[in-house]
């Protein structure tokens, strides 16, 4: 019997991924700092969200080049 994910979309399982490639392979991106699966080493920009989708260096309207 499978348990449905909470309607809030929050994950409560502690998955110790080797890195973001492993997390993405398990359909887990945008891992918030409060989630048990969050690891600082997987948060490349230090904003409290790990394994964000890669956007590359794209110029924004304010001229900032970021990823």
N, C-alpha and C. Protein backbone atom coordinates (compact mmCIF):
# COMPACT_ATOMS: atom_id res chain seq x y z
N UNK A 1 0.84 -1.18 0.00
CA UNK A 1 0.00 0.00 0.00
C UNK A 1 0.89 1.25 0.00
N UNK A 2 0.66 2.15 -0.94
CA UNK A 2 1.45 3.37 -1.03
C UNK A 2 0.77 4.48 -0.25
N UNK A 3 1.59 5.32 0.36
CA UNK A 3 1.08 6.47 1.09
C UNK A 3 1.14 7.69 0.19
N UNK A 4 0.06 8.40 0.10
CA UNK A 4 0.03 9.60 -0.73
C UNK A 4 0.84 10.70 -0.08
N UNK A 5 1.45 11.54 -0.92
CA UNK A 5 2.21 12.69 -0.42
C UNK A 5 1.25 13.69 0.20
N UNK A 6 1.69 14.43 1.18
CA UNK A 6 0.83 15.44 1.78
C UNK A 6 0.38 16.46 0.73
N UNK A 7 -0.82 16.98 0.86
CA UNK A 7 -1.33 17.94 -0.11
C UNK A 7 -0.51 19.21 -0.15
N UNK A 8 0.23 19.49 0.90
CA UNK A 8 1.05 20.69 0.94
C UNK A 8 2.24 20.58 -0.01
N UNK A 9 2.55 19.37 -0.49
CA UNK A 9 3.68 19.16 -1.37
C UNK A 9 4.99 19.04 -0.61
N UNK A 10 4.95 19.12 0.71
CA UNK A 10 6.16 19.03 1.51
C UNK A 10 6.58 17.58 1.64
N UNK A 11 7.88 17.37 1.64
CA UNK A 11 8.42 16.03 1.82
C UNK A 11 8.94 15.92 3.23
N UNK A 12 8.67 14.81 3.87
CA UNK A 12 9.10 14.63 5.24
C UNK A 12 10.07 13.46 5.40
N UNK A 13 10.42 12.80 4.30
CA UNK A 13 11.35 11.69 4.39
C UNK A 13 12.77 12.22 4.33
N UNK A 14 13.67 11.57 5.04
CA UNK A 14 15.07 11.98 5.07
C UNK A 14 15.83 11.15 4.06
N UNK A 15 16.05 11.71 2.91
CA UNK A 15 16.82 11.05 1.85
C UNK A 15 18.22 11.64 1.89
N UNK A 16 19.21 10.82 2.10
CA UNK A 16 20.59 11.30 2.08
C UNK A 16 21.14 11.10 0.68
N UNK A 17 20.95 12.09 -0.17
CA UNK A 17 21.43 12.01 -1.54
C UNK A 17 22.92 12.31 -1.59
N UNK A 18 23.61 11.68 -2.51
CA UNK A 18 25.03 11.94 -2.70
C UNK A 18 25.26 13.33 -3.28
N UNK A 19 24.27 13.84 -3.96
CA UNK A 19 24.36 15.16 -4.57
C UNK A 19 23.07 15.47 -5.32
N UNK A 20 23.08 16.57 -6.01
CA UNK A 20 21.86 17.00 -6.69
C UNK A 20 21.49 16.10 -7.86
N UNK A 21 22.47 15.50 -8.52
CA UNK A 21 22.13 14.58 -9.61
C UNK A 21 21.31 13.41 -9.07
N UNK A 22 21.70 12.90 -7.92
CA UNK A 22 20.96 11.79 -7.30
C UNK A 22 19.57 12.26 -6.86
N UNK A 23 19.49 13.46 -6.31
CA UNK A 23 18.19 14.00 -5.88
C UNK A 23 17.27 14.17 -7.08
N UNK A 24 17.80 14.75 -8.15
CA UNK A 24 16.97 14.95 -9.35
C UNK A 24 16.54 13.63 -9.97
N UNK A 25 17.40 12.63 -9.92
CA UNK A 25 17.04 11.32 -10.44
C UNK A 25 15.88 10.73 -9.66
N UNK A 26 15.71 11.20 -8.43
CA UNK A 26 14.61 10.76 -7.57
C UNK A 26 13.47 11.78 -7.58
N UNK A 27 13.48 12.67 -8.60
CA UNK A 27 12.45 13.70 -8.78
C UNK A 27 12.35 14.62 -7.56
N UNK A 28 13.51 15.05 -7.07
CA UNK A 28 13.53 15.92 -5.90
C UNK A 28 14.44 17.11 -6.20
N UNK A 29 13.84 18.26 -6.48
CA UNK A 29 14.54 19.52 -6.71
C UNK A 29 14.02 20.54 -5.71
N UNK A 30 14.68 21.69 -5.66
CA UNK A 30 14.25 22.78 -4.78
C UNK A 30 14.05 22.29 -3.35
N UNK A 31 15.09 21.71 -2.77
CA UNK A 31 15.02 21.17 -1.43
C UNK A 31 15.23 22.31 -0.44
N UNK A 32 14.18 22.64 0.30
CA UNK A 32 14.23 23.75 1.25
C UNK A 32 15.07 23.40 2.47
N UNK A 33 15.63 24.42 3.10
CA UNK A 33 16.52 24.22 4.25
C UNK A 33 15.83 23.49 5.40
N UNK A 34 14.53 23.60 5.53
CA UNK A 34 13.82 22.92 6.62
C UNK A 34 13.63 21.44 6.36
N UNK A 35 13.82 20.99 5.11
CA UNK A 35 13.62 19.58 4.78
C UNK A 35 14.78 18.73 5.29
N UNK A 36 14.51 17.54 5.78
CA UNK A 36 15.58 16.67 6.26
C UNK A 36 16.62 16.33 5.18
N UNK A 37 16.24 16.37 3.92
CA UNK A 37 17.16 16.02 2.83
C UNK A 37 18.12 17.15 2.47
N UNK A 38 17.87 18.35 2.99
CA UNK A 38 18.72 19.51 2.67
C UNK A 38 20.13 19.30 3.19
N UNK A 39 21.10 19.62 2.34
CA UNK A 39 22.50 19.62 2.73
C UNK A 39 23.11 20.91 2.23
N UNK A 40 23.85 21.59 3.08
CA UNK A 40 24.47 22.86 2.70
C UNK A 40 25.36 22.70 1.47
N UNK A 41 26.05 21.56 1.36
CA UNK A 41 26.94 21.35 0.21
C UNK A 41 26.16 21.26 -1.11
N UNK A 42 24.85 21.05 -1.05
CA UNK A 42 24.03 20.96 -2.27
C UNK A 42 23.35 22.29 -2.59
N UNK A 43 23.60 23.30 -1.76
CA UNK A 43 23.02 24.63 -1.96
C UNK A 43 24.11 25.54 -2.50
N UNK A 44 24.26 25.55 -3.82
CA UNK A 44 25.36 26.25 -4.46
C UNK A 44 25.40 27.75 -4.23
N UNK A 45 24.24 28.38 -4.10
CA UNK A 45 24.23 29.83 -3.93
C UNK A 45 23.91 30.26 -2.50
N UNK A 46 23.74 29.30 -1.59
CA UNK A 46 23.56 29.60 -0.18
C UNK A 46 22.27 30.32 0.17
N UNK A 47 21.23 30.12 -0.64
CA UNK A 47 19.96 30.82 -0.39
C UNK A 47 18.96 30.01 0.41
N UNK A 48 19.37 28.84 0.89
CA UNK A 48 18.47 28.01 1.68
C UNK A 48 17.63 27.05 0.86
N UNK A 49 17.93 26.96 -0.44
CA UNK A 49 17.24 26.02 -1.32
C UNK A 49 18.31 25.26 -2.10
N UNK A 50 18.35 23.95 -1.92
CA UNK A 50 19.34 23.12 -2.59
C UNK A 50 18.75 22.50 -3.86
N UNK A 51 19.61 22.21 -4.79
CA UNK A 51 19.25 21.51 -6.03
C UNK A 51 18.21 22.26 -6.85
N UNK A 52 18.40 23.56 -6.96
CA UNK A 52 17.52 24.35 -7.81
C UNK A 52 17.80 24.00 -9.26
N UNK A 53 16.79 24.10 -10.12
CA UNK A 53 17.03 23.82 -11.54
C UNK A 53 18.10 24.76 -12.09
N UNK A 54 18.99 24.22 -12.90
CA UNK A 54 20.06 25.03 -13.49
C UNK A 54 19.47 25.96 -14.53
N UNK A 55 19.81 27.21 -14.43
CA UNK A 55 19.31 28.19 -15.37
C UNK A 55 20.42 28.78 -16.22
N UNK A 56 21.66 28.48 -15.91
CA UNK A 56 22.78 29.02 -16.67
C UNK A 56 22.97 30.50 -16.39
N UNK A 57 23.93 31.09 -17.02
CA UNK A 57 24.18 32.52 -16.87
C UNK A 57 23.31 33.27 -17.86
N UNK A 58 22.26 33.86 -17.37
CA UNK A 58 21.30 34.56 -18.22
C UNK A 58 21.18 35.99 -17.72
N UNK A 59 21.31 36.94 -18.63
CA UNK A 59 21.17 38.34 -18.24
C UNK A 59 19.72 38.61 -17.89
N UNK A 60 19.53 39.26 -16.76
CA UNK A 60 18.17 39.63 -16.36
C UNK A 60 17.91 41.07 -16.73
N UNK A 61 16.73 41.54 -16.45
CA UNK A 61 16.35 42.91 -16.77
C UNK A 61 17.23 43.94 -16.06
N UNK A 62 17.78 43.56 -14.89
CA UNK A 62 18.60 44.52 -14.15
C UNK A 62 20.08 44.42 -14.52
N UNK A 63 20.40 43.57 -15.52
CA UNK A 63 21.76 43.46 -16.00
C UNK A 63 22.63 42.49 -15.23
N UNK A 64 22.09 41.89 -14.17
CA UNK A 64 22.87 40.96 -13.37
C UNK A 64 22.95 39.62 -14.08
N UNK A 65 24.13 39.07 -14.15
CA UNK A 65 24.32 37.74 -14.73
C UNK A 65 24.40 36.75 -13.59
N UNK A 66 23.47 35.87 -13.51
CA UNK A 66 23.47 34.90 -12.42
C UNK A 66 23.07 33.53 -12.91
N UNK A 67 23.14 32.58 -11.99
CA UNK A 67 22.73 31.23 -12.36
C UNK A 67 21.75 30.71 -11.38
